[in-house]
PDB file of all heavy atoms in Angstrom:
ATOM      1  N   ALA A   1       0.837  -1.199   0.000  1.00  0.00           N
ATOM      2  CA  ALA A   1       0.000   0.000   0.000  1.00  0.00           C
ATOM      3  C   ALA A   1       0.873   1.250   0.000  1.00  0.00           C
ATOM      4  O   ALA A   1       1.885   1.319   0.695  1.00  0.00           O
ATOM      5  CB  ALA A   1      -0.924  -0.007   1.213  1.00  0.00           C
ATOM      6  N   LYS A   2       0.477   2.244  -0.777  1.00  0.00           N
ATOM      7  CA  LYS A   2       1.264   3.466  -0.895  1.00  0.00           C
ATOM      8  C   LYS A   2       1.062   4.418   0.285  1.00  0.00           C
ATOM      9  O   LYS A   2       1.790   5.407   0.401  1.00  0.00           O
ATOM     10  CB  LYS A   2       0.909   4.194  -2.192  1.00  0.00           C
ATOM     11  CG  LYS A   2       1.485   3.550  -3.441  1.00  0.00           C
ATOM     12  CD  LYS A   2       1.228   4.416  -4.660  1.00  0.00           C
ATOM     13  CE  LYS A   2       1.893   3.846  -5.905  1.00  0.00           C
ATOM     14  NZ  LYS A   2       1.682   4.709  -7.093  1.00  0.00           N
ATOM     15  N   ASP A   3       0.087   4.142   1.155  1.00  0.00           N
ATOM     16  CA  ASP A   3      -0.158   5.060   2.266  1.00  0.00           C
ATOM     17  C   ASP A   3       0.845   4.825   3.392  1.00  0.00           C
ATOM     18  O   ASP A   3       1.762   3.996   3.278  1.00  0.00           O
ATOM     19  CB  ASP A   3      -1.612   4.934   2.762  1.00  0.00           C
ATOM     20  CG  ASP A   3      -1.924   3.556   3.347  1.00  0.00           C
ATOM     21  OD1 ASP A   3      -0.978   2.796   3.638  1.00  0.00           O
ATOM     22  OD2 ASP A   3      -3.118   3.232   3.511  1.00  0.00           O
ATOM     23  N   ALA A   4       0.666   5.545   4.480  1.00  0.00           N
ATOM     24  CA  ALA A   4       1.620   5.494   5.585  1.00  0.00           C
ATOM     25  C   ALA A   4       1.649   4.148   6.295  1.00  0.00           C
ATOM     26  O   ALA A   4       2.633   3.794   6.948  1.00  0.00           O
ATOM     27  CB  ALA A   4       1.305   6.607   6.588  1.00  0.00           C
ATOM     28  N   GLY A   5       0.566   3.348   6.165  1.00  0.00           N
ATOM     29  CA  GLY A   5       0.520   2.050   6.826  1.00  0.00           C
ATOM     30  C   GLY A   5       1.382   0.984   6.180  1.00  0.00           C
ATOM     31  O   GLY A   5       1.830   0.045   6.824  1.00  0.00           O
ATOM     32  N   LYS A   6       1.615   1.104   4.859  1.00  0.00           N
ATOM     33  CA  LYS A   6       2.478   0.190   4.094  1.00  0.00           C
ATOM     34  C   LYS A   6       2.089  -1.282   4.261  1.00  0.00           C
ATOM     35  O   LYS A   6       2.947  -2.157   4.343  1.00  0.00           O
ATOM     36  CB  LYS A   6       3.947   0.374   4.487  1.00  0.00           C
ATOM     37  CG  LYS A   6       4.485   1.780   4.278  1.00  0.00           C
ATOM     38  CD  LYS A   6       4.457   2.171   2.818  1.00  0.00           C
ATOM     39  CE  LYS A   6       4.997   3.573   2.592  1.00  0.00           C
ATOM     40  NZ  LYS A   6       4.870   4.023   1.193  1.00  0.00           N
ATOM     41  N   LYS A   7       0.789  -1.566   4.276  1.00  0.00           N
ATOM     42  CA  LYS A   7       0.348  -2.950   4.347  1.00  0.00           C
ATOM     43  C   LYS A   7       0.762  -3.699   3.083  1.00  0.00           C
ATOM     44  O   LYS A   7       0.822  -3.119   1.991  1.00  0.00           O
ATOM     45  CB  LYS A   7      -1.175  -3.023   4.514  1.00  0.00           C
ATOM     46  CG  LYS A   7      -1.663  -2.759   5.917  1.00  0.00           C
ATOM     47  CD  LYS A   7      -1.282  -3.918   6.844  1.00  0.00           C
ATOM     48  CE  LYS A   7      -1.800  -3.663   8.264  1.00  0.00           C
ATOM     49  NZ  LYS A   7      -1.421  -4.765   9.159  1.00  0.00           N
ATOM     50  N   LYS A   8       1.037  -5.009   3.223  1.00  0.00           N
ATOM     51  CA  LYS A   8       1.495  -5.812   2.095  1.00  0.00           C
ATOM     52  C   LYS A   8       0.557  -6.989   1.841  1.00  0.00           C
ATOM     53  O   LYS A   8      -0.081  -7.503   2.761  1.00  0.00           O
ATOM     54  CB  LYS A   8       2.905  -6.354   2.350  1.00  0.00           C
ATOM     55  CG  LYS A   8       3.978  -5.293   2.467  1.00  0.00           C
ATOM     56  CD  LYS A   8       5.344  -5.922   2.731  1.00  0.00           C
ATOM     57  CE  LYS A   8       6.430  -4.884   2.941  1.00  0.00           C
ATOM     58  NZ  LYS A   8       6.753  -4.160   1.718  1.00  0.00           N
ATOM     59  N   ALA A   9       0.513  -7.418   0.591  1.00  0.00           N
ATOM     60  CA  ALA A   9      -0.199  -8.638   0.206  1.00  0.00           C
ATOM     61  C   ALA A   9       0.725  -9.409  -0.731  1.00  0.00           C
ATOM     62  O   ALA A   9       1.377  -8.820  -1.591  1.00  0.00           O
ATOM     63  CB  ALA A   9      -1.513  -8.316  -0.488  1.00  0.00           C
ATOM     64  N   THR A  10       0.796 -10.720  -0.562  1.00  0.00           N
ATOM     65  CA  THR A  10       1.684 -11.537  -1.397  1.00  0.00           C
ATOM     66  C   THR A  10       0.878 -12.576  -2.173  1.00  0.00           C
ATOM     67  O   THR A  10      -0.172 -13.044  -1.717  1.00  0.00           O
ATOM     68  CB  THR A  10       2.758 -12.248  -0.570  1.00  0.00           C
ATOM     69  OG1 THR A  10       2.127 -13.074   0.421  1.00  0.00           O
ATOM     70  CG2 THR A  10       3.671 -11.234   0.110  1.00  0.00           C
ATOM     71  N   PHE A  11       1.411 -12.920  -3.346  1.00  0.00           N
ATOM     72  CA  PHE A  11       0.753 -13.888  -4.220  1.00  0.00           C
ATOM     73  C   PHE A  11       1.827 -14.806  -4.790  1.00  0.00           C
ATOM     74  O   PHE A  11       2.766 -14.355  -5.445  1.00  0.00           O
ATOM     75  CB  PHE A  11       0.015 -13.163  -5.356  1.00  0.00           C
ATOM     76  CG  PHE A  11      -0.920 -14.032  -6.136  1.00  0.00           C
ATOM     77  CD1 PHE A  11      -2.243 -14.169  -5.761  1.00  0.00           C
ATOM     78  CD2 PHE A  11      -0.477 -14.726  -7.259  1.00  0.00           C
ATOM     79  CE1 PHE A  11      -3.119 -14.970  -6.476  1.00  0.00           C
ATOM     80  CE2 PHE A  11      -1.337 -15.528  -7.984  1.00  0.00           C
ATOM     81  CZ  PHE A  11      -2.669 -15.655  -7.594  1.00  0.00           C
ATOM     82  N   LYS A  12       1.704 -16.102  -4.518  1.00  0.00           N
ATOM     83  CA  LYS A  12       2.704 -17.083  -4.969  1.00  0.00           C
ATOM     84  C   LYS A  12       2.321 -17.631  -6.346  1.00  0.00           C
ATOM     85  O   LYS A  12       1.204 -18.098  -6.546  1.00  0.00           O
ATOM     86  CB  LYS A  12       2.809 -18.235  -3.961  1.00  0.00           C
ATOM     87  CG  LYS A  12       3.865 -19.265  -4.318  1.00  0.00           C
ATOM     88  CD  LYS A  12       3.900 -20.384  -3.267  1.00  0.00           C
ATOM     89  CE  LYS A  12       4.926 -21.445  -3.639  1.00  0.00           C
ATOM     90  NZ  LYS A  12       4.952 -22.545  -2.633  1.00  0.00           N
ATOM     91  N   VAL A  13       3.267 -17.561  -7.269  1.00  0.00           N
ATOM     92  CA  VAL A  13       3.044 -18.053  -8.628  1.00  0.00           C
ATOM     93  C   VAL A  13       4.006 -19.209  -8.908  1.00  0.00           C
ATOM     94  O   VAL A  13       5.220 -19.054  -8.793  1.00  0.00           O
ATOM     95  CB  VAL A  13       3.248 -16.950  -9.678  1.00  0.00           C
ATOM     96  CG1 VAL A  13       2.916 -17.473 -11.076  1.00  0.00           C
ATOM     97  CG2 VAL A  13       2.401 -15.727  -9.355  1.00  0.00           C
ATOM     98  N   THR A  14       3.454 -20.350  -9.245  1.00  0.00           N
ATOM     99  CA  THR A  14       4.261 -21.504  -9.660  1.00  0.00           C
ATOM    100  C   THR A  14       4.163 -21.606 -11.173  1.00  0.00           C
ATOM    101  O   THR A  14       3.061 -21.748 -11.725  1.00  0.00           O
ATOM    102  CB  THR A  14       3.755 -22.804  -9.011  1.00  0.00           C
ATOM    103  OG1 THR A  14       3.817 -22.668  -7.581  1.00  0.00           O
ATOM    104  CG2 THR A  14       4.611 -23.983  -9.435  1.00  0.00           C
ATOM    105  N   VAL A  15       5.303 -21.497 -11.826  1.00  0.00           N
ATOM    106  CA  VAL A  15       5.337 -21.508 -13.294  1.00  0.00           C
ATOM    107  C   VAL A  15       5.905 -22.841 -13.767  1.00  0.00           C
ATOM    108  O   VAL A  15       7.000 -23.236 -13.379  1.00  0.00           O
ATOM    109  CB  VAL A  15       6.195 -20.353 -13.843  1.00  0.00           C
ATOM    110  CG1 VAL A  15       6.111 -20.323 -15.366  1.00  0.00           C
ATOM    111  CG2 VAL A  15       5.737 -19.018 -13.258  1.00  0.00           C
ATOM    112  N   LYS A  16       5.135 -23.525 -14.592  1.00  0.00           N
ATOM    113  CA  LYS A  16       5.579 -24.801 -15.149  1.00  0.00           C
ATOM    114  C   LYS A  16       6.024 -24.619 -16.601  1.00  0.00           C
ATOM    115  O   LYS A  16       5.601 -23.680 -17.272  1.00  0.00           O
ATOM    116  CB  LYS A  16       4.447 -25.837 -15.079  1.00  0.00           C
ATOM    117  CG  LYS A  16       4.087 -26.241 -13.660  1.00  0.00           C
ATOM    118  CD  LYS A  16       3.054 -27.360 -13.661  1.00  0.00           C
ATOM    119  CE  LYS A  16       2.762 -27.842 -12.247  1.00  0.00           C
ATOM    120  NZ  LYS A  16       1.774 -28.959 -12.248  1.00  0.00           N
ATOM    121  N   LYS A  17       6.867 -25.534 -17.037  1.00  0.00           N
ATOM    122  CA  LYS A  17       7.322 -25.473 -18.422  1.00  0.00           C
ATOM    123  C   LYS A  17       6.139 -25.620 -19.371  1.00  0.00           C
ATOM    124  O   LYS A  17       5.224 -26.403 -19.121  1.00  0.00           O
ATOM    125  CB  LYS A  17       8.334 -26.589 -18.699  1.00  0.00           C
ATOM    126  CG  LYS A  17       9.703 -26.354 -18.094  1.00  0.00           C
ATOM    127  CD  LYS A  17      10.661 -27.459 -18.504  1.00  0.00           C
ATOM    128  CE  LYS A  17      12.050 -27.208 -17.926  1.00  0.00           C
ATOM    129  NZ  LYS A  17      12.999 -28.279 -18.310  1.00  0.00           N
ATOM    130  N   LYS A  18       6.210 -24.864 -20.443  1.00  0.00           N
ATOM    131  CA  LYS A  18       5.148 -24.943 -21.436  1.00  0.00           C
ATOM    132  C   LYS A  18       5.240 -26.270 -22.161  1.00  0.00           C
ATOM    133  O   LYS A  18       6.301 -26.666 -22.635  1.00  0.00           O
ATOM    134  CB  LYS A  18       5.278 -23.789 -22.430  1.00  0.00           C
ATOM    135  CG  LYS A  18       4.093 -23.652 -23.371  1.00  0.00           C
ATOM    136  CD  LYS A  18       4.238 -22.415 -24.236  1.00  0.00           C
ATOM    137  CE  LYS A  18       3.030 -22.231 -25.138  1.00  0.00           C
ATOM    138  NZ  LYS A  18       3.161 -21.004 -25.977  1.00  0.00           N
ATOM    139  N   ALA A  19       4.115 -26.968 -22.197  1.00  0.00           N
ATOM    140  CA  ALA A  19       4.100 -28.267 -22.862  1.00  0.00           C
ATOM    141  C   ALA A  19       4.389 -28.096 -24.347  1.00  0.00           C
ATOM    142  O   ALA A  19       3.814 -27.222 -25.007  1.00  0.00           O
ATOM    143  CB  ALA A  19       2.741 -28.936 -22.674  1.00  0.00           C
ATOM    144  N   VAL A  20       5.308 -28.888 -24.829  1.00  0.00           N
ATOM    145  CA  VAL A  20       5.673 -28.825 -26.245  1.00  0.00           C
ATOM    146  C   VAL A  20       4.752 -29.761 -27.026  1.00  0.00           C
ATOM    147  O   VAL A  20       4.737 -30.972 -26.795  1.00  0.00           O
ATOM    148  CB  VAL A  20       7.147 -29.232 -26.459  1.00  0.00           C
ATOM    149  CG1 VAL A  20       7.486 -29.196 -27.937  1.00  0.00           C
ATOM    150  CG2 VAL A  20       8.060 -28.314 -25.670  1.00  0.00           C
ATOM    151  N   THR A  21       4.005 -29.185 -27.914  1.00  0.00           N
ATOM    152  CA  THR A  21       3.117 -29.992 -28.750  1.00  0.00           C
ATOM    153  C   THR A  21       3.926 -30.617 -29.866  1.00  0.00           C
ATOM    154  O   THR A  21       4.558 -29.908 -30.656  1.00  0.00           O
ATOM    155  CB  THR A  21       2.000 -29.115 -29.359  1.00  0.00           C
ATOM    156  OG1 THR A  21       1.293 -28.468 -28.309  1.00  0.00           O
ATOM    157  CG2 THR A  21       1.049 -29.964 -30.180  1.00  0.00           C
ATOM    158  N   PRO A  22       3.961 -31.933 -29.898  1.00  0.00           N
ATOM    159  CA  PRO A  22       4.762 -32.571 -30.943  1.00  0.00           C
ATOM    160  C   PRO A  22       4.250 -32.217 -32.335  1.00  0.00           C
ATOM    161  O   PRO A  22       3.040 -32.116 -32.558  1.00  0.00           O
ATOM    162  CB  PRO A  22       4.596 -34.064 -30.647  1.00  0.00           C
ATOM    163  CG  PRO A  22       3.348 -34.167 -29.841  1.00  0.00           C
ATOM    164  CD  PRO A  22       3.252 -32.900 -29.064  1.00  0.00           C
ATOM    165  N   ALA A  23       5.182 -32.008 -33.210  1.00  0.00           N
ATOM    166  CA  ALA A  23       4.806 -31.666 -34.580  1.00  0.00           C
ATOM    167  C   ALA A  23       4.057 -32.829 -35.221  1.00  0.00           C
ATOM    168  O   ALA A  23       4.391 -33.999 -34.994  1.00  0.00           O
ATOM    169  CB  ALA A  23       6.053 -31.335 -35.388  1.00  0.00           C
ATOM    170  N   LYS A  24       3.052 -32.505 -35.967  1.00  0.00           N
ATOM    171  CA  LYS A  24       2.254 -33.527 -36.623  1.00  0.00           C
ATOM    172  C   LYS A  24       3.054 -34.135 -37.768  1.00  0.00           C
ATOM    173  O   LYS A  24       3.519 -33.432 -38.654  1.00  0.00           O
ATOM    174  CB  LYS A  24       0.959 -32.911 -37.159  1.00  0.00           C
ATOM    175  CG  LYS A  24      -0.016 -33.940 -37.697  1.00  0.00           C
ATOM    176  CD  LYS A  24      -1.301 -33.265 -38.143  1.00  0.00           C
ATOM    177  CE  LYS A  24      -2.288 -34.314 -38.674  1.00  0.00           C
ATOM    178  NZ  LYS A  24      -3.556 -33.667 -39.122  1.00  0.00           N
ATOM    179  N   PRO A  25       3.239 -35.462 -37.717  1.00  0.00           N
ATOM    180  CA  PRO A  25       4.038 -36.088 -38.774  1.00  0.00           C
ATOM    181  C   PRO A  25       3.308 -36.099 -40.112  1.00  0.00           C
ATOM    182  O   PRO A  25       2.082 -36.244 -40.171  1.00  0.00           O
ATOM    183  CB  PRO A  25       4.259 -37.505 -38.247  1.00  0.00           C
ATOM    184  CG  PRO A  25       3.103 -37.763 -37.339  1.00  0.00           C
ATOM    185  CD  PRO A  25       2.761 -36.437 -36.729  1.00  0.00           C
ATOM    186  N   THR A  26       4.047 -35.932 -41.151  1.00  0.00           N
ATOM    187  CA  THR A  26       3.504 -36.014 -42.506  1.00  0.00           C
ATOM    188  C   THR A  26       4.406 -36.928 -43.325  1.00  0.00           C
ATOM    189  O   THR A  26       5.556 -37.177 -42.970  1.00  0.00           O
ATOM    190  CB  THR A  26       3.436 -34.627 -43.168  1.00  0.00           C
ATOM    191  OG1 THR A  26       4.770 -34.077 -43.239  1.00  0.00           O
ATOM    192  CG2 THR A  26       2.555 -33.681 -42.387  1.00  0.00           C
ATOM    193  N   THR A  27       3.887 -37.421 -44.407  1.00  0.00           N
ATOM    194  CA  THR A  27       4.677 -38.298 -45.272  1.00  0.00           C
ATOM    195  C   THR A  27       5.059 -37.562 -46.551  1.00  0.00           C
ATOM    196  O   THR A  27       4.288 -36.751 -47.072  1.00  0.00           O
ATOM    197  CB  THR A  27       3.910 -39.579 -45.622  1.00  0.00           C
ATOM    198  OG1 THR A  27       2.672 -39.230 -46.252  1.00  0.00           O
ATOM    199  CG2 THR A  27       3.636 -40.392 -44.370  1.00  0.00           C
ATOM    200  N   GLU A  28       6.245 -37.856 -47.012  1.00  0.00           N
ATOM    201  CA  GLU A  28       6.733 -37.307 -48.278  1.00  0.00           C
ATOM    202  C   GLU A  28       7.135 -38.473 -49.177  1.00  0.00           C
ATOM    203  O   GLU A  28       7.829 -39.394 -48.725  1.00  0.00           O
ATOM    204  CB  GLU A  28       7.941 -36.406 -48.046  1.00  0.00           C
ATOM    205  CG  GLU A  28       7.653 -35.149 -47.256  1.00  0.00           C
ATOM    206  CD  GLU A  28       8.921 -34.329 -47.004  1.00  0.00           C
ATOM    207  OE1 GLU A  28      10.038 -34.861 -47.248  1.00  0.00           O
ATOM    208  OE2 GLU A  28       8.785 -33.175 -46.571  1.00  0.00           O
TER     209      GLU A  28
END
């Protein structure tokens, strides 16, 4: 808080690796 009381609030963020979508196979 920007006022004289300076109260705080915290928020925990857990970040996981972005799942890699396998490329769709094609035939040549």
